């Protein structure tokens, strides 16, 4: 930076290309030298009332006498302003970062440094219940868009100095702030260093959501449609994972947290499991596993049975299914694929259109497409029922909806071409693929492969809290985990 206020303002105006929201409040200070100063802000990012009462009025009322530029800036920082957040800096990149983050920047003629004052006043959505992770019992708070509020939601739940927040910036153009959260006595230092390096290596221009960073955090090697990076909208879920040695990444402007390492069995766990009685939590968890396999395999097995192995159908079901399928003009595999494709179209339309029109999509899908197609003999009623059951089952584990949908289409195509042999071979391929996958060195199928008796207390069944609270198993100590250096605590 320059010592001249005029040159500094000219450089900043040039950087923002005289943008309409770039504002400068010029001031002549009460000093013997009549030193000039300026308060620089981005309109809409700061609170005008706070700026007037906490910055401009105190500076005008203070007598700086015969102090020079550097002394004036020090007096403003130490004696004049009462703001809780004051940062001194001396580079244009930092000035741009503070301005675009809602800070007010104070520049004084004759000084090459500036002050950033925390007076953020932009509008944001309040803390509300997450829509994708609804719970019956427990906290109704979910992450929101501002980074600092999300950090507070975690700090309120873990009142320990072991909780560490590290800030960083990603995106060469967006300059998006993110925060790495971890418990320093629980996390593996090797895993933490690896995550830091992967974030630093991301060469994205824009980072507008946590999903932009997911691919950079994945382990290289085996490609899989399952993700080794978890996403959560709930601060209580994140706190539970931090206790196990995980690392959470909060991205400014995104109401979700990235959790890494992430393993397969966690897709079937929820906050409600630990609020309910163990027997009911176990029942719900088994129900989730059954729904997961139903959503993936049932349409493919139905296609294989109807096309290649009808003898596997019970006699009564065989008569009804064969009669219905004989009246339809299309092969079973093509029929199932078309219905699933139409369902995905209706689902996407239901997500994108305005809410008042959502009922219209439901009516068209259920009455016009569904019932009319069956009555017209275009599709079989048994086929429609199978696809509907699989579609409903896929929402039980909504976080796995994307891989479930892809696998469902793949199993139907394989079952229609190769029959049950194709289903079996495809299953072996998928199983080998996810068993080979790792998440920051932690096996993705941990607890199941490699098998761990101790970890099984919270996989298919949920043990009572007396057993769960005896010992917290840290993720870096899972069997065959490469990054297992942390034995502290």
Protein backbone atom coordinates (compact mmCIF):
# COMPACT_ATOMS: atom_id res chain seq x y z
CA UNK A 1 0.00 0.00 0.00
CA UNK A 2 0.95 3.63 -0.38
CA UNK A 3 1.35 6.36 2.21
CA UNK A 4 -0.94 8.58 0.16
CA UNK A 5 -4.67 8.25 0.85
CA UNK A 6 -5.44 9.47 -2.65
CA UNK A 7 -3.33 6.73 -4.26
CA UNK A 8 -4.82 4.02 -2.01
CA UNK A 9 -8.38 5.08 -2.84
CA UNK A 10 -7.53 5.25 -6.53
CA UNK A 11 -6.17 1.69 -6.46
CA UNK A 12 -9.24 0.35 -4.65
CA UNK A 13 -11.63 2.16 -6.98
CA UNK A 14 -9.72 0.73 -9.93
CA UNK A 15 -9.92 -2.78 -8.43
CA UNK A 16 -13.70 -2.50 -8.06
CA UNK A 17 -13.99 -0.74 -11.44
CA UNK A 18 -15.97 2.09 -9.81
CA UNK A 19 -18.74 -0.34 -8.89
CA UNK A 20 -21.98 1.31 -7.76
CA UNK A 21 -21.87 -0.34 -4.34
CA UNK A 22 -18.30 0.79 -3.58
CA UNK A 23 -18.70 3.76 -1.21
CA UNK A 24 -16.16 6.15 0.31
CA UNK A 25 -16.89 8.54 3.18
CA UNK A 26 -14.21 11.26 3.16
CA UNK A 27 -13.34 12.94 6.47
CA UNK A 28 -11.12 15.80 7.62
CA UNK A 29 -9.91 14.88 11.10
CA UNK A 30 -9.75 17.20 14.10
CA UNK A 31 -5.99 17.66 14.12
CA UNK A 32 -3.45 20.44 13.77
CA UNK A 33 -2.48 19.16 10.32
CA UNK A 34 -6.11 18.72 9.11
CA UNK A 35 -5.26 15.15 8.12
CA UNK A 36 -7.69 13.53 5.70
CA UNK A 37 -9.16 10.08 6.24
CA UNK A 38 -11.79 7.84 4.65
CA UNK A 39 -14.21 5.10 5.67
CA UNK A 40 -14.57 2.60 2.81
CA UNK A 41 -17.47 0.14 2.63
CA UNK A 42 -19.47 -2.02 0.26
CA UNK A 43 -23.07 -0.88 0.36
CA UNK A 44 -25.48 -3.50 1.66
CA UNK A 45 -22.76 -5.46 3.45
CA UNK A 46 -22.46 -3.15 6.47
CA UNK A 47 -24.84 -1.58 8.97
CA UNK A 48 -25.02 2.15 8.26
CA UNK A 49 -26.27 2.92 11.76
CA UNK A 50 -23.38 1.07 13.40
CA UNK A 51 -20.87 2.83 11.12
CA UNK A 52 -22.26 6.25 12.05
CA UNK A 53 -22.44 5.64 15.80
CA UNK A 54 -19.37 3.44 16.31
CA UNK A 55 -16.89 4.79 13.75
CA UNK A 56 -17.63 8.19 12.21
CA UNK A 57 -18.93 10.02 15.31
CA UNK A 58 -16.10 8.89 17.66
CA UNK A 59 -13.44 9.80 15.06
CA UNK A 60 -14.91 13.29 14.50
CA UNK A 61 -15.14 13.95 18.25
CA UNK A 62 -11.54 12.96 19.02
CA UNK A 63 -8.74 15.54 18.99
CA UNK A 64 -5.65 14.05 17.36
CA UNK A 65 -3.60 17.24 17.93
CA UNK A 66 -0.35 17.13 15.94
CA UNK A 67 -0.14 13.34 15.35
CA UNK A 68 1.00 12.06 11.95
CA UNK A 69 -0.80 9.43 9.83
CA UNK A 70 0.64 6.34 11.52
CA UNK A 71 0.05 7.75 15.01
CA UNK A 72 -3.53 8.67 14.10
CA UNK A 73 -4.24 5.13 12.93
CA UNK A 74 -2.81 3.71 16.16
CA UNK A 75 -4.90 6.10 18.27
CA UNK A 76 -8.03 5.16 16.33
CA UNK A 77 -7.33 1.48 16.98
CA UNK A 78 -6.32 1.81 20.62
CA UNK A 79 -8.24 4.82 21.98
CA UNK A 80 -11.06 5.98 19.72
CA UNK A 81 -13.04 2.97 18.53
CA UNK A 82 -14.82 0.59 20.88
CA UNK A 83 -15.63 -2.10 18.29
CA UNK A 84 -14.89 -5.66 19.37
CA UNK A 85 -13.32 -6.67 16.06
CA UNK A 86 -10.53 -4.45 14.72
CA UNK A 87 -7.87 -5.84 12.38
CA UNK A 88 -4.81 -3.99 11.11
CA UNK A 89 -3.48 -4.91 7.67
CA UNK A 90 -1.28 -3.52 4.92
CA UNK A 91 -2.12 -5.16 1.57
CA UNK A 92 -4.73 -4.50 -1.13
CA UNK A 93 -5.72 -8.17 -1.27
CA UNK A 94 -6.62 -8.06 2.43
CA UNK A 95 -8.52 -4.82 1.90
CA UNK A 96 -10.62 -6.41 -0.84
CA UNK A 97 -11.27 -9.50 1.28
CA UNK A 98 -12.40 -7.45 4.30
CA UNK A 99 -14.59 -5.14 2.22
CA UNK A 100 -16.37 -7.99 0.49
CA UNK A 101 -16.87 -9.72 3.86
CA UNK A 102 -18.84 -6.82 5.32
CA UNK A 103 -16.08 -4.95 7.15
CA UNK A 104 -15.63 -1.18 7.11
CA UNK A 105 -12.08 -0.17 6.18
CA UNK A 106 -10.47 3.00 7.61
CA UNK A 107 -7.62 4.63 5.69
CA UNK A 108 -5.59 7.64 6.87
CA UNK A 109 -3.40 9.89 4.73
CA UNK A 110 0.28 9.41 5.51
CA UNK A 111 -0.09 5.79 6.64
CA UNK A 112 0.44 2.65 4.55
CA UNK A 113 -1.71 0.54 6.85
CA UNK A 114 -5.47 0.33 7.20
CA UNK A 115 -7.99 -0.88 9.78
CA UNK A 116 -10.86 -3.29 9.18
CA UNK A 117 -13.81 -2.89 11.57
CA UNK A 118 -16.39 -5.63 12.00
CA UNK A 119 -19.73 -3.90 11.28
CA UNK A 120 -21.41 -6.59 9.18
CA UNK A 121 -25.06 -5.84 8.53
CA UNK A 122 -26.12 -7.88 5.51
CA UNK A 123 -29.42 -9.75 5.49
CA UNK A 124 -29.45 -13.50 6.02
CA UNK A 125 -31.83 -16.35 6.78
CA UNK A 126 -32.34 -17.18 10.43
CA UNK A 127 -31.56 -20.49 12.11
CA UNK A 128 -34.38 -22.91 11.20
CA UNK A 129 -35.01 -26.65 11.21
CA UNK A 130 -33.23 -28.49 8.37
CA UNK A 131 -35.57 -29.74 5.66
CA UNK A 132 -33.51 -32.78 4.64
CA UNK A 133 -32.65 -34.07 8.15
CA UNK A 134 -35.90 -33.83 10.06
CA UNK A 135 -35.95 -35.36 13.55
CA UNK A 136 -38.82 -36.09 15.91
CA UNK A 137 -36.82 -35.67 19.10
CA UNK A 138 -33.83 -33.43 19.53
CA UNK A 139 -32.64 -30.05 18.39
CA UNK A 140 -34.56 -28.20 15.67
CA UNK A 141 -31.58 -26.01 14.77
CA UNK A 142 -29.85 -26.29 11.43
CA UNK A 143 -26.96 -24.51 9.77
CA UNK A 144 -27.62 -21.26 7.98
CA UNK A 145 -25.61 -19.33 5.37
CA UNK A 146 -23.29 -17.01 7.40
CA UNK A 147 -20.09 -18.81 8.43
CA UNK A 148 -19.76 -17.19 11.87
CA UNK A 149 -23.26 -18.22 12.92
CA UNK A 150 -22.55 -21.85 11.95
CA UNK A 151 -19.34 -21.76 14.00
CA UNK A 152 -21.36 -20.48 16.96
CA UNK A 153 -23.88 -23.33 16.63
CA UNK A 154 -21.04 -25.82 17.05
CA UNK A 155 -19.29 -23.89 19.83
CA UNK A 156 -22.52 -23.75 21.85
CA UNK A 157 -22.59 -27.55 21.91
CA UNK A 158 -18.90 -28.21 22.55
CA UNK A 159 -17.76 -25.84 25.29
CA UNK A 160 -14.18 -27.02 25.28
CA UNK A 161 -10.88 -25.36 24.32
CA UNK A 162 -10.07 -28.55 22.39
CA UNK A 163 -12.47 -27.37 19.68
CA UNK A 164 -10.42 -25.54 17.05
CA UNK A 165 -11.64 -23.42 14.13
CA UNK A 166 -9.19 -22.77 11.29
CA UNK A 167 -10.20 -20.31 8.57
CA UNK A 168 -9.03 -20.41 4.97
CA UNK A 169 -9.99 -18.94 1.61
CA UNK A 170 -10.80 -20.88 -1.57
CA UNK A 171 -11.76 -19.75 -5.06
CA UNK A 172 -9.49 -17.42 -6.99
CA UNK A 173 -12.42 -15.17 -7.95
CA UNK A 174 -15.08 -15.76 -5.29
CA UNK A 175 -12.60 -15.67 -2.36
CA UNK A 176 -14.96 -17.87 -0.37
CA UNK A 177 -14.14 -18.27 3.30
CA UNK A 178 -14.29 -21.68 4.90
CA UNK A 179 -13.63 -23.04 8.36
CA UNK A 180 -11.97 -26.33 9.31
CA UNK A 181 -13.36 -27.63 12.62
CA UNK A 182 -11.82 -30.40 14.72
CA UNK A 183 -11.02 -31.47 18.27
CA UNK A 184 -7.26 -31.22 18.62
CA UNK A 185 -7.01 -34.10 21.13
CA UNK A 186 -9.10 -36.46 19.00
CA UNK A 187 -8.21 -35.81 15.37
CA UNK A 188 -5.45 -37.60 13.47
CA UNK A 189 -2.76 -35.11 12.54
CA UNK A 190 -2.05 -37.02 9.32
CA UNK A 191 -5.70 -36.85 8.25
CA UNK A 192 -5.86 -33.16 9.16
CA UNK A 193 -2.72 -32.31 7.15
CA UNK A 194 -4.02 -34.26 4.17
CA UNK A 195 -7.31 -32.34 4.22
CA UNK A 196 -5.48 -29.01 4.44
CA UNK A 197 -3.32 -29.88 1.42
CA UNK A 198 -6.32 -30.98 -0.64
CA UNK A 199 -8.15 -27.75 0.09
CA UNK A 200 -5.08 -25.71 -0.82
CA UNK A 201 -4.72 -27.62 -4.08
CA UNK A 202 -8.26 -26.82 -5.23
CA UNK A 203 -7.87 -24.55 -8.27
CA UNK A 204 -11.49 -23.43 -8.55
CA UNK A 205 -12.41 -19.91 -9.56
CA UNK A 206 -15.79 -19.98 -7.84
CA UNK A 207 -16.84 -21.90 -4.72
CA UNK A 208 -20.54 -21.30 -4.09
CA UNK A 209 -21.43 -24.49 -2.22
CA UNK A 210 -19.80 -27.28 -0.25
CA UNK A 211 -20.29 -29.68 -3.15
CA UNK A 212 -17.64 -27.80 -5.15
CA UNK A 213 -14.96 -29.14 -2.79
CA UNK A 214 -16.17 -32.73 -2.43
CA UNK A 215 -14.21 -34.12 -5.36
CA UNK A 216 -10.98 -32.54 -4.13
CA UNK A 217 -11.43 -34.22 -0.74
CA UNK A 218 -12.04 -37.68 -2.19
CA UNK A 219 -9.20 -40.22 -2.25
CA UNK A 220 -7.65 -40.83 -5.64
CA UNK A 221 -7.71 -44.35 -6.99
CA UNK A 222 -10.89 -46.40 -7.02
CA UNK A 223 -13.79 -44.50 -8.55
CA UNK A 224 -17.19 -45.12 -7.00
CA UNK A 225 -20.65 -43.62 -7.19
CA UNK A 226 -20.68 -43.65 -3.38
CA UNK A 227 -19.07 -40.65 -1.72
CA UNK A 228 -16.43 -40.74 0.99
CA UNK A 229 -17.46 -37.20 1.96
CA UNK A 230 -20.46 -36.70 4.24
CA UNK A 231 -22.83 -33.73 4.16
CA UNK A 232 -24.95 -32.60 7.10
CA UNK A 233 -27.20 -29.66 7.88
CA UNK A 234 -27.33 -30.36 11.62
CA UNK A 235 -24.79 -28.97 14.14
CA UNK A 236 -25.55 -31.78 16.62
CA UNK A 237 -24.64 -34.39 13.98
CA UNK A 238 -21.37 -32.58 13.28
CA UNK A 239 -20.52 -32.41 16.99
CA UNK A 240 -21.02 -36.15 17.35
CA UNK A 241 -18.65 -36.82 14.44
CA UNK A 242 -16.02 -34.43 15.82
CA UNK A 243 -15.92 -36.53 18.99
CA UNK A 244 -14.89 -39.52 16.85
CA UNK A 245 -11.91 -37.67 15.36
CA UNK A 246 -13.61 -36.42 12.20
CA UNK A 247 -12.99 -33.08 10.54
CA UNK A 248 -15.87 -30.76 9.61
CA UNK A 249 -15.59 -28.07 6.95
CA UNK A 250 -17.99 -25.12 6.98
CA UNK A 251 -18.25 -23.06 3.80
CA UNK A 252 -19.48 -19.47 3.93
CA UNK A 253 -22.80 -19.07 2.16
CA UNK A 254 -23.75 -22.75 2.47
CA UNK A 255 -26.10 -24.19 5.14
CA UNK A 256 -24.28 -27.52 5.20
CA UNK A 257 -21.09 -28.95 6.67
CA UNK A 258 -18.70 -31.38 5.02
CA UNK A 259 -17.74 -34.29 7.29
CA UNK A 260 -14.64 -36.30 6.48
CA UNK A 261 -13.74 -39.17 6.82
CA UNK A 262 -17.16 -40.61 6.02
CA UNK A 263 -18.11 -44.30 5.91
CA UNK A 264 -20.98 -46.32 4.45
CA UNK A 265 -22.80 -47.36 7.64
CA UNK A 266 -23.23 -43.71 8.69
CA UNK A 267 -25.77 -43.25 5.89
CA UNK A 268 -28.18 -45.36 7.97
CA UNK A 269 -27.66 -43.51 11.26
CA UNK A 270 -29.55 -40.43 12.39
CA UNK A 271 -29.88 -38.22 15.46
CA UNK A 272 -33.22 -39.82 16.28
CA UNK A 273 -31.50 -43.18 16.73
CA UNK A 274 -29.75 -41.88 19.83
CA UNK A 275 -32.83 -40.17 21.26
CA UNK A 276 -35.12 -43.21 21.06
CA UNK A 277 -34.99 -46.44 23.01
CA UNK A 278 -32.41 -48.96 21.68
CA UNK A 279 -34.97 -51.55 20.54
CA UNK A 280 -36.89 -49.03 18.43
CA UNK A 281 -33.72 -47.44 17.06
CA UNK A 282 -32.56 -50.92 16.03
CA UNK A 283 -35.88 -51.58 14.30
CA UNK A 284 -35.69 -48.32 12.34
CA UNK A 285 -32.08 -48.96 11.36
CA UNK A 286 -32.87 -52.46 10.05
CA UNK A 287 -35.82 -50.93 8.19
CA UNK A 288 -33.42 -48.51 6.50
CA UNK A 289 -31.14 -51.32 5.34
CA UNK A 290 -34.11 -53.30 3.96
CA UNK A 291 -35.39 -50.18 2.16
CA UNK A 292 -31.93 -49.54 0.68
CA UNK A 293 -31.68 -53.03 -0.84
CA UNK A 294 -35.33 -52.92 -1.92
CA UNK A 295 -34.80 -49.65 -3.80
CA UNK A 296 -31.76 -51.01 -5.64
CA UNK A 297 -32.54 -54.66 -6.33
CA UNK A 298 -36.33 -55.19 -6.52
CA UNK A 299 -36.94 -53.66 -10.00
CA UNK A 300 -33.92 -55.52 -11.44
CA UNK A 301 -34.89 -58.86 -9.86
CA UNK A 302 -38.49 -58.43 -11.03
CA UNK A 303 -37.26 -57.79 -14.56
CA UNK A 304 -34.96 -60.83 -14.50
CA UNK A 305 -37.68 -63.11 -13.10
CA UNK A 306 -40.36 -61.94 -15.54
CA UNK A 307 -38.11 -62.17 -18.59
CA UNK A 308 -35.84 -65.17 -17.86
CA UNK A 309 -36.90 -66.97 -14.68
CA UNK A 310 -40.72 -66.96 -14.37
CA UNK A 311 -40.57 -70.26 -12.49
CA UNK A 312 -39.35 -68.35 -9.42
CA UNK A 313 -42.71 -66.56 -9.11
CA UNK A 314 -45.31 -68.19 -6.80
CA UNK A 315 -48.03 -69.88 -8.83
CA UNK A 316 -50.79 -67.39 -8.06
CA UNK A 317 -48.54 -64.38 -8.64
CA UNK A 318 -47.20 -65.94 -11.85
CA UNK A 319 -50.68 -66.24 -13.36
CA UNK A 320 -51.61 -62.64 -12.60
CA UNK A 321 -48.23 -61.19 -13.60
CA UNK A 322 -48.03 -63.17 -16.85
CA UNK A 323 -51.56 -62.12 -17.81
CA UNK A 324 -50.81 -58.45 -17.17
CA UNK A 325 -47.45 -58.57 -18.98
CA UNK A 326 -48.92 -60.42 -21.97
CA UNK A 327 -51.34 -57.54 -22.61
CA UNK A 328 -48.59 -54.90 -22.80
CA UNK A 329 -46.74 -54.17 -26.07
CA UNK A 330 -43.25 -53.58 -24.61
CA UNK A 331 -40.61 -55.95 -23.19
CA UNK A 332 -40.50 -56.01 -19.37
CA UNK A 333 -37.06 -54.39 -19.11
CA UNK A 334 -37.99 -51.54 -21.42
CA UNK A 335 -41.30 -51.10 -19.61
CA UNK A 336 -39.58 -50.79 -16.20
CA UNK A 337 -36.96 -48.40 -17.55
CA UNK A 338 -39.61 -46.14 -19.10
CA UNK A 339 -41.65 -45.99 -15.90
CA UNK A 340 -38.57 -45.21 -13.80
CA UNK A 341 -37.49 -42.55 -16.30
CA UNK A 342 -40.96 -40.93 -16.25
CA UNK A 343 -40.91 -41.00 -12.44
CA UNK A 344 -37.55 -39.20 -12.36
CA UNK A 345 -38.95 -36.57 -14.74
CA UNK A 346 -41.94 -36.00 -12.44
CA UNK A 347 -39.69 -35.86 -9.38
CA UNK A 348 -37.42 -33.27 -10.98
CA UNK A 349 -40.43 -31.25 -12.09
CA UNK A 350 -41.83 -31.37 -8.55
CA UNK A 351 -38.56 -30.00 -7.18
CA UNK A 352 -38.19 -27.15 -9.67
CA UNK A 353 -41.69 -25.78 -10.23
CA UNK A 354 -43.32 -23.29 -7.81
CA UNK A 355 -44.95 -24.93 -4.79
CA UNK A 356 -48.54 -23.96 -5.73
CA UNK A 357 -48.16 -26.07 -8.89
CA UNK A 358 -46.83 -29.12 -7.05
CA UNK A 359 -50.29 -30.62 -6.63
CA UNK A 360 -50.83 -30.43 -10.38
CA UNK A 361 -47.74 -32.59 -10.97
CA UNK A 362 -48.99 -35.14 -8.41
CA UNK A 363 -52.40 -35.34 -10.06
CA UNK A 364 -50.96 -35.68 -13.54
CA UNK A 365 -48.47 -38.32 -12.39
CA UNK A 366 -50.89 -40.43 -10.37
CA UNK A 367 -54.06 -40.19 -12.47
CA UNK A 368 -53.14 -39.32 -16.03
CA UNK A 369 -49.83 -41.14 -16.44
CA UNK A 370 -50.24 -43.96 -13.92
CA UNK A 371 -53.86 -45.08 -13.95
CA UNK A 372 -54.55 -44.17 -17.57
CA UNK A 373 -51.44 -46.01 -18.80
CA UNK A 374 -52.50 -49.17 -16.93
CA UNK A 375 -56.10 -48.99 -18.16
CA UNK A 376 -54.90 -48.42 -21.71
CA UNK A 377 -52.74 -51.54 -21.50
CA UNK A 378 -49.54 -49.63 -22.15
CA UNK A 379 -47.91 -50.79 -18.90
CA UNK A 380 -48.68 -53.62 -16.48
CA UNK A 381 -50.08 -52.83 -13.04
CA UNK A 382 -47.54 -55.16 -11.40
CA UNK A 383 -44.68 -53.27 -13.04
CA UNK A 384 -46.06 -49.94 -11.85
CA UNK A 385 -46.38 -51.27 -8.30
CA UNK A 386 -42.79 -52.59 -8.25
CA UNK A 387 -41.36 -49.26 -9.47
CA UNK A 388 -43.49 -47.33 -6.95
CA UNK A 389 -42.30 -49.47 -4.02
CA UNK A 390 -38.67 -49.02 -5.08
CA UNK A 391 -39.12 -45.27 -5.50
CA UNK A 392 -40.66 -44.85 -2.05
CA UNK A 393 -37.97 -47.04 -0.47
CA UNK A 394 -35.23 -44.85 -1.93
CA UNK A 395 -36.42 -41.89 0.15
CA UNK A 396 -35.87 -43.74 3.44
CA UNK A 397 -32.13 -43.11 3.00
CA UNK A 398 -32.45 -39.83 1.13
CA UNK A 399 -28.72 -39.04 1.36
CA UNK A 400 -28.07 -42.07 -0.88
CA UNK A 401 -30.73 -41.19 -3.43
CA UNK A 402 -28.24 -40.41 -6.22
CA UNK A 403 -26.29 -43.72 -6.10
CA UNK A 404 -29.52 -45.69 -5.50
CA UNK A 405 -31.09 -44.22 -8.64
CA UNK A 406 -28.07 -44.97 -10.83
CA UNK A 407 -27.72 -48.51 -9.50
CA UNK A 408 -31.45 -49.17 -9.92
CA UNK A 409 -31.28 -48.31 -13.61
CA UNK A 410 -28.11 -50.39 -14.00
CA UNK A 411 -29.60 -53.49 -12.34
CA UNK A 412 -32.76 -53.29 -14.44
CA UNK A 413 -30.69 -53.08 -17.64
CA UNK A 414 -28.41 -55.94 -16.58
CA UNK A 415 -31.33 -58.06 -15.37
CA UNK A 416 -33.17 -57.53 -18.64
CA UNK A 417 -30.17 -58.61 -20.71
CA UNK A 418 -28.48 -61.35 -18.63
CA UNK A 419 -31.09 -62.37 -16.08
CA UNK A 420 -30.18 -63.30 -12.50
CA UNK A 421 -26.60 -64.14 -13.49
CA UNK A 422 -26.18 -60.52 -14.53
CA UNK A 423 -27.68 -59.31 -11.22
CA UNK A 424 -25.25 -61.49 -9.23
CA UNK A 425 -22.19 -60.42 -11.24
CA UNK A 426 -23.20 -56.76 -11.04
CA UNK A 427 -23.65 -57.10 -7.27
CA UNK A 428 -20.17 -58.59 -6.90
CA UNK A 429 -18.69 -55.76 -8.94
CA UNK A 430 -20.42 -53.05 -6.86
CA UNK A 431 -19.44 -54.75 -3.60
CA UNK A 432 -15.79 -55.04 -4.65
CA UNK A 433 -15.82 -51.42 -5.75
CA UNK A 434 -17.09 -49.97 -2.48
CA UNK A 435 -14.89 -52.30 -0.40
CA UNK A 436 -11.85 -50.92 -2.24
CA UNK A 437 -12.89 -47.32 -1.60
CA UNK A 438 -11.32 -45.26 1.19
CA UNK A 439 -12.05 -41.88 2.73
CA UNK A 440 -8.80 -40.10 3.64
CA UNK A 441 -7.22 -43.51 4.21
CA UNK A 442 -10.16 -44.91 6.22
CA UNK A 443 -11.86 -47.95 4.57
CA UNK A 444 -15.30 -46.87 3.34
CA UNK A 445 -16.89 -50.15 4.50
CA UNK A 446 -15.31 -49.99 7.96
CA UNK A 447 -17.06 -52.04 10.65
CA UNK A 448 -18.24 -54.47 7.95
CA UNK A 449 -15.10 -54.87 5.85
CA UNK A 450 -12.75 -55.04 7.67
CA UNK A 451 -15.08 -56.50 10.28
CA UNK A 452 -15.04 -55.10 13.81
CA UNK A 453 -17.03 -56.70 16.62
CA UNK A 454 -16.76 -53.59 18.81
CA UNK A 455 -18.06 -51.31 16.06
CA UNK A 456 -21.05 -53.60 15.42
CA UNK A 457 -22.68 -52.21 18.56
CA UNK A 458 -23.74 -49.22 16.44
CA UNK A 459 -24.27 -50.67 12.94
CA UNK A 460 -27.29 -52.96 12.50
CA UNK A 461 -28.26 -52.58 16.14
CA UNK A 462 -27.93 -49.60 18.45
CA UNK A 463 -26.60 -50.51 21.86
CA UNK A 464 -27.77 -48.65 24.94
CA UNK A 465 -25.94 -45.55 26.11
CA UNK A 466 -24.28 -47.42 28.98
CA UNK A 467 -22.31 -49.42 26.40
CA UNK A 468 -21.85 -46.64 23.86
CA UNK A 469 -20.47 -44.21 26.44
CA UNK A 470 -17.78 -46.56 27.77
CA UNK A 471 -15.39 -45.92 24.94
CA UNK A 472 -15.48 -43.63 21.90
CA UNK A 473 -13.85 -45.33 18.92
CA UNK A 474 -11.96 -42.77 16.87
CA UNK A 475 -12.13 -43.04 13.13
CA UNK A 476 -8.34 -43.14 12.67
CA UNK A 477 -8.24 -46.33 14.75
CA UNK A 478 -10.55 -48.31 12.48
CA UNK A 479 -8.99 -51.54 11.24
CA UNK A 480 -6.68 -51.20 8.21
CA UNK A 481 -6.77 -47.41 8.39
CA UNK A 482 -3.56 -45.92 7.02
CA UNK A 483 -3.70 -42.59 8.84
CA UNK A 484 -3.76 -43.96 12.41
CA UNK A 485 -1.09 -41.85 14.13
CA UNK A 486 -3.25 -40.34 16.87
CA UNK A 487 -3.13 -42.11 20.19
CA UNK A 488 -3.58 -39.00 22.28
CA UNK A 489 -6.36 -38.70 24.81
